[in-house]
Amino acid sequence: MKNLIYFVIAILTVKSHSQNKNFIDQPYVETTSKADTLIIPDRIYLNIVISEKDTRGKISLEELETKMINKLNSIGIDLKKQLSLSDLSSNFKKYFLKQQEVQKAKLFNLLVFDAKTAGLVIQKLEEENISNIYLEKTEYSKIEQLKLELKSLAVKKAIKNAEYLVKPFNLKVGEAMFISDIDVNITNLNYGRNSAIQIRGIASLREYGSEAENKEIEFEKIKVSAEVGVKFKLEK
């Protein structure tokens, strides 16, 4: 029985070695390629803080909340889908603590779909003395599909690279022998995470590339790249 087991193992080992040897012995060309693009985020998450402290107690929290809701309604925000009440996170606790007194405040999460609306939200809420607005994160809703498309583009680019590499040798690129999905990278400071950036008033919008006079705001574009490695057979 032991001899049979050893025999089977020996066959598998020889077969595996033979396959590897055949792969290595074949003439091939190997290349890596990258495809990338810049996209505008279409999901912008803002944290809105309302507090009686900001009006020195002249306006109650309930009044501020009503004013905020009315302003958001006036610019077409779908409150049921885009606005939610959040517990005060650790990032905001210090803001509400002064001389051991807890300030009466609320934290809301707001989702908007473009920078223009984000700027309008900031402008309209500032008119009601609500200027503590934080950029939580930015996202792109079709990121997974974009990753796949970039991988496909990178493979096509790898074919071109291989063709140019072998052209001086009067050789042709054959079928792919091996394809490696090397890396997908997303470059954006605020993508998918809490960036702890505070937006206070229209004047500070310049740091986001805005024009103070028209009160527009821009967010950093998201750079997405995909890299692949491919081995091609060589043909005469």
Protein backbone atom coordinates (compact mmCIF):
# COMPACT_ATOMS: atom_id res chain seq x y z
CA MET A 1 0.00 0.00 0.00
CA LYS A 2 2.84 2.37 0.87
CA ASN A 3 4.52 1.62 -2.47
CA LEU A 4 1.29 2.52 -4.30
CA ILE A 5 1.05 5.83 -2.45
CA TYR A 6 4.67 6.67 -3.25
CA PHE A 7 4.05 5.75 -6.90
CA VAL A 8 1.05 8.07 -7.16
CA ILE A 9 2.98 10.92 -5.54
CA ALA A 10 5.86 10.34 -7.94
CA ILE A 11 3.52 10.53 -10.96
CA LEU A 12 1.94 13.78 -9.72
CA THR A 13 5.37 15.27 -9.05
CA VAL A 14 6.67 14.40 -12.50
CA LYS A 15 3.50 15.71 -14.17
CA SER A 16 3.69 18.99 -12.27
CA HIS A 17 7.37 19.38 -13.09
CA SER A 18 6.68 18.60 -16.74
CA GLN A 19 3.96 21.27 -16.94
CA ASN A 20 6.21 23.89 -15.35
CA LYS A 21 9.08 22.94 -17.63
CA ASN A 22 6.92 23.23 -20.72
CA PHE A 23 5.69 26.65 -19.61
CA ILE A 24 9.20 27.95 -18.99
CA ASP A 25 10.71 26.45 -22.14
CA GLN A 26 8.20 28.14 -24.43
CA PRO A 27 9.36 31.45 -25.90
CA TYR A 28 7.27 34.22 -24.41
CA VAL A 29 7.22 37.94 -23.72
CA GLU A 30 6.17 39.37 -20.38
CA THR A 31 4.88 42.89 -19.81
CA THR A 32 3.02 44.92 -17.20
CA SER A 33 0.58 47.69 -17.96
CA LYS A 34 -1.45 50.27 -16.08
CA ALA A 35 -4.64 52.17 -16.90
CA ASP A 36 -5.97 55.06 -14.85
CA THR A 37 -8.59 57.78 -14.85
CA LEU A 38 -9.88 60.72 -12.82
CA ILE A 39 -13.52 60.81 -11.76
CA ILE A 40 -15.68 63.31 -9.93
CA PRO A 41 -17.19 61.96 -6.68
CA ASP A 42 -20.97 61.60 -6.87
CA ARG A 43 -21.63 60.78 -3.21
CA ILE A 44 -20.55 63.50 -0.77
CA TYR A 45 -21.21 62.95 2.93
CA LEU A 46 -21.44 66.01 5.18
CA ASN A 47 -21.78 66.20 8.95
CA ILE A 48 -23.91 69.13 10.12
CA VAL A 49 -23.67 70.25 13.73
CA ILE A 50 -26.36 72.48 15.21
CA SER A 51 -25.80 73.91 18.66
CA GLU A 52 -27.35 76.60 20.87
CA LYS A 53 -23.80 77.66 21.66
CA ASP A 54 -23.39 79.10 18.15
CA THR A 55 -26.18 81.61 18.75
CA ARG A 56 -25.18 82.23 22.38
CA GLY A 57 -28.44 80.70 23.48
CA LYS A 58 -30.58 83.21 21.57
CA ILE A 59 -32.09 80.51 19.36
CA SER A 60 -33.21 77.17 20.77
CA LEU A 61 -31.95 73.89 19.34
CA GLU A 62 -35.46 73.06 18.17
CA GLU A 63 -35.69 76.33 16.24
CA LEU A 64 -32.30 75.76 14.63
CA GLU A 65 -33.35 72.29 13.57
CA THR A 66 -36.56 73.64 12.02
CA LYS A 67 -34.60 76.34 10.17
CA MET A 68 -32.13 73.74 8.89
CA ILE A 69 -34.90 71.46 7.64
CA ASN A 70 -36.67 74.33 5.90
CA LYS A 71 -33.49 75.42 4.14
CA LEU A 72 -32.68 71.90 2.99
CA ASN A 73 -36.24 71.49 1.73
CA SER A 74 -35.96 74.74 -0.21
CA ILE A 75 -33.02 73.46 -2.26
CA GLY A 76 -34.62 70.11 -3.07
CA ILE A 77 -32.99 67.81 -0.53
CA ASP A 78 -34.95 64.58 0.00
CA LEU A 79 -34.90 64.56 3.79
CA LYS A 80 -36.07 60.96 4.15
CA LYS A 81 -33.31 59.59 1.90
CA GLN A 82 -30.48 62.06 2.39
CA LEU A 83 -30.64 63.31 5.99
CA SER A 84 -30.24 61.27 9.16
CA LEU A 85 -29.65 62.03 12.84
CA SER A 86 -26.43 60.67 14.29
CA ASP A 87 -25.09 60.20 17.80
CA LEU A 88 -22.30 62.57 18.71
CA SER A 89 -19.09 60.78 17.75
CA SER A 90 -15.80 61.07 19.62
CA ASN A 91 -14.52 63.55 17.02
CA PHE A 92 -17.14 66.08 18.13
CA LYS A 93 -17.21 65.54 21.92
CA LYS A 94 -14.64 68.21 22.72
CA TYR A 95 -16.63 70.74 20.73
CA PHE A 96 -19.59 70.39 23.08
CA LEU A 97 -17.70 70.36 26.38
CA LYS A 98 -16.93 73.68 28.03
CA GLN A 99 -16.23 74.08 31.73
CA GLN A 100 -17.76 70.68 32.35
CA GLU A 101 -21.07 71.78 30.83
CA VAL A 102 -22.54 69.76 28.01
CA GLN A 103 -23.83 72.02 25.26
CA LYS A 104 -27.24 71.23 23.80
CA ALA A 105 -26.45 70.06 20.28
CA LYS A 106 -27.25 67.59 17.52
CA LEU A 107 -25.24 65.99 14.75
CA PHE A 108 -26.81 65.19 11.37
CA ASN A 109 -25.45 63.24 8.41
CA LEU A 110 -26.30 64.61 4.97
CA LEU A 111 -25.71 62.93 1.61
CA VAL A 112 -25.50 65.09 -1.53
CA PHE A 113 -24.58 64.05 -5.03
CA ASP A 114 -22.50 66.92 -6.39
CA ALA A 115 -20.25 69.75 -5.28
CA LYS A 116 -22.70 72.43 -6.40
CA THR A 117 -25.36 71.15 -4.02
CA ALA A 118 -22.79 70.85 -1.22
CA GLY A 119 -21.85 74.50 -1.70
CA LEU A 120 -25.52 75.51 -1.74
CA VAL A 121 -26.15 73.64 1.50
CA ILE A 122 -23.28 75.46 3.17
CA GLN A 123 -24.45 78.83 1.87
CA LYS A 124 -28.09 78.38 2.90
CA LEU A 125 -27.34 76.99 6.35
CA GLU A 126 -24.88 79.75 7.08
CA GLU A 127 -27.75 82.21 6.58
CA GLU A 128 -29.33 80.57 9.64
CA ASN A 129 -26.15 80.69 11.76
CA ILE A 130 -25.42 77.02 11.07
CA SER A 131 -21.83 77.01 9.87
CA ASN A 132 -20.29 73.94 11.53
CA ILE A 133 -20.28 71.57 8.57
CA TYR A 134 -17.72 68.82 8.19
CA LEU A 135 -16.74 66.83 5.15
CA GLU A 136 -16.94 63.21 6.25
CA LYS A 137 -16.06 61.36 3.04
CA THR A 138 -16.51 61.24 -0.72
CA GLU A 139 -17.32 58.22 -2.88
CA TYR A 140 -18.05 57.19 -6.46
CA SER A 141 -21.18 55.05 -6.76
CA LYS A 142 -19.97 52.94 -9.72
CA ILE A 143 -16.44 52.30 -8.46
CA GLU A 144 -16.57 48.49 -8.80
CA GLN A 145 -17.63 48.64 -12.45
CA LEU A 146 -14.93 51.23 -13.11
CA LYS A 147 -12.27 48.94 -11.63
CA LEU A 148 -13.27 46.15 -14.03
CA GLU A 149 -13.21 48.49 -17.03
CA LEU A 150 -9.74 49.75 -16.11
CA LYS A 151 -8.42 46.20 -15.79
CA SER A 152 -9.71 45.44 -19.28
CA LEU A 153 -8.06 48.60 -20.64
CA ALA A 154 -4.79 47.65 -18.93
CA VAL A 155 -4.84 44.22 -20.62
CA LYS A 156 -5.42 45.84 -24.04
CA LYS A 157 -2.53 48.17 -23.35
CA ALA A 158 -0.36 45.17 -22.38
CA ILE A 159 -1.04 43.61 -25.81
CA LYS A 160 0.16 46.80 -27.52
CA ASN A 161 3.24 46.91 -25.30
CA ALA A 162 4.11 43.32 -26.14
CA GLU A 163 3.67 43.92 -29.87
CA TYR A 164 6.10 46.84 -29.80
CA LEU A 165 8.59 44.89 -27.70
CA VAL A 166 8.86 41.99 -30.15
CA LYS A 167 8.59 43.98 -33.40
CA PRO A 168 12.39 44.50 -33.75
CA PHE A 169 12.81 40.69 -33.65
CA ASN A 170 10.24 40.11 -36.42
CA LEU A 171 8.15 38.07 -34.01
CA LYS A 172 4.42 38.10 -33.36
CA VAL A 173 2.51 38.05 -30.12
CA GLY A 174 0.50 34.88 -29.63
CA GLU A 175 -2.15 33.92 -27.10
CA ALA A 176 -1.87 34.89 -23.45
CA MET A 177 -0.22 32.24 -21.28
CA PHE A 178 -0.65 33.98 -17.93
CA ILE A 179 -2.51 37.06 -16.68
CA SER A 180 -1.93 38.58 -13.25
CA ASP A 181 -4.23 41.10 -11.55
CA ILE A 182 -1.47 43.07 -9.85
CA ASP A 183 -3.13 46.05 -8.22
CA VAL A 184 -6.09 48.44 -8.09
CA ASN A 185 -5.47 51.75 -6.40
CA ILE A 186 -7.75 54.63 -5.35
CA THR A 187 -6.08 57.98 -4.64
CA ASN A 188 -8.10 60.59 -2.79
CA LEU A 189 -7.56 61.98 0.71
CA ASN A 190 -11.27 61.94 1.51
CA TYR A 191 -12.33 58.75 -0.28
CA GLY A 192 -14.39 56.45 1.89
CA ARG A 193 -13.19 57.72 5.26
CA ASN A 194 -13.62 60.45 7.84
CA SER A 195 -11.21 63.19 6.84
CA ALA A 196 -11.89 65.46 9.84
CA ILE A 197 -11.99 68.49 7.53
CA GLN A 198 -14.20 71.29 8.74
CA ILE A 199 -15.98 73.75 6.47
CA ARG A 200 -16.71 76.97 8.33
CA GLY A 201 -18.29 79.72 6.29
CA ILE A 202 -18.04 80.73 2.67
CA ALA A 203 -14.62 82.36 3.04
CA SER A 204 -12.99 79.04 3.93
CA LEU A 205 -14.27 77.36 0.76
CA ARG A 206 -11.19 78.58 -1.10
CA GLU A 207 -9.22 75.66 0.30
CA TYR A 208 -11.54 73.41 -1.73
CA GLY A 209 -10.89 75.32 -4.95
CA SER A 210 -14.00 77.48 -4.79
CA GLU A 211 -14.66 81.01 -5.92
CA ALA A 212 -15.80 83.10 -2.98
CA GLU A 213 -17.90 85.40 -5.14
CA ASN A 214 -20.15 82.66 -6.56
CA LYS A 215 -19.95 80.44 -3.50
CA GLU A 216 -19.19 77.27 -5.44
CA ILE A 217 -17.19 74.41 -4.03
CA GLU A 218 -15.10 71.70 -5.65
CA PHE A 219 -13.84 68.44 -4.23
CA GLU A 220 -10.69 66.60 -5.18
CA LYS A 221 -11.19 64.20 -8.05
CA ILE A 222 -10.75 60.50 -7.38
CA LYS A 223 -7.88 58.83 -9.23
CA VAL A 224 -8.44 55.13 -9.89
CA SER A 225 -5.76 52.94 -11.48
CA ALA A 226 -5.46 49.25 -12.33
CA GLU A 227 -2.27 47.33 -13.11
CA VAL A 228 -1.94 43.90 -14.74
CA GLY A 229 0.88 41.60 -15.80
CA VAL A 230 0.61 39.37 -18.87
CA LYS A 231 2.79 36.66 -20.47
CA PHE A 232 2.26 36.05 -24.20
CA LYS A 233 3.51 33.25 -26.40
CA LEU A 234 5.90 34.32 -29.14
CA GLU A 235 5.25 33.26 -32.74
CA LYS A 236 7.35 33.66 -35.88
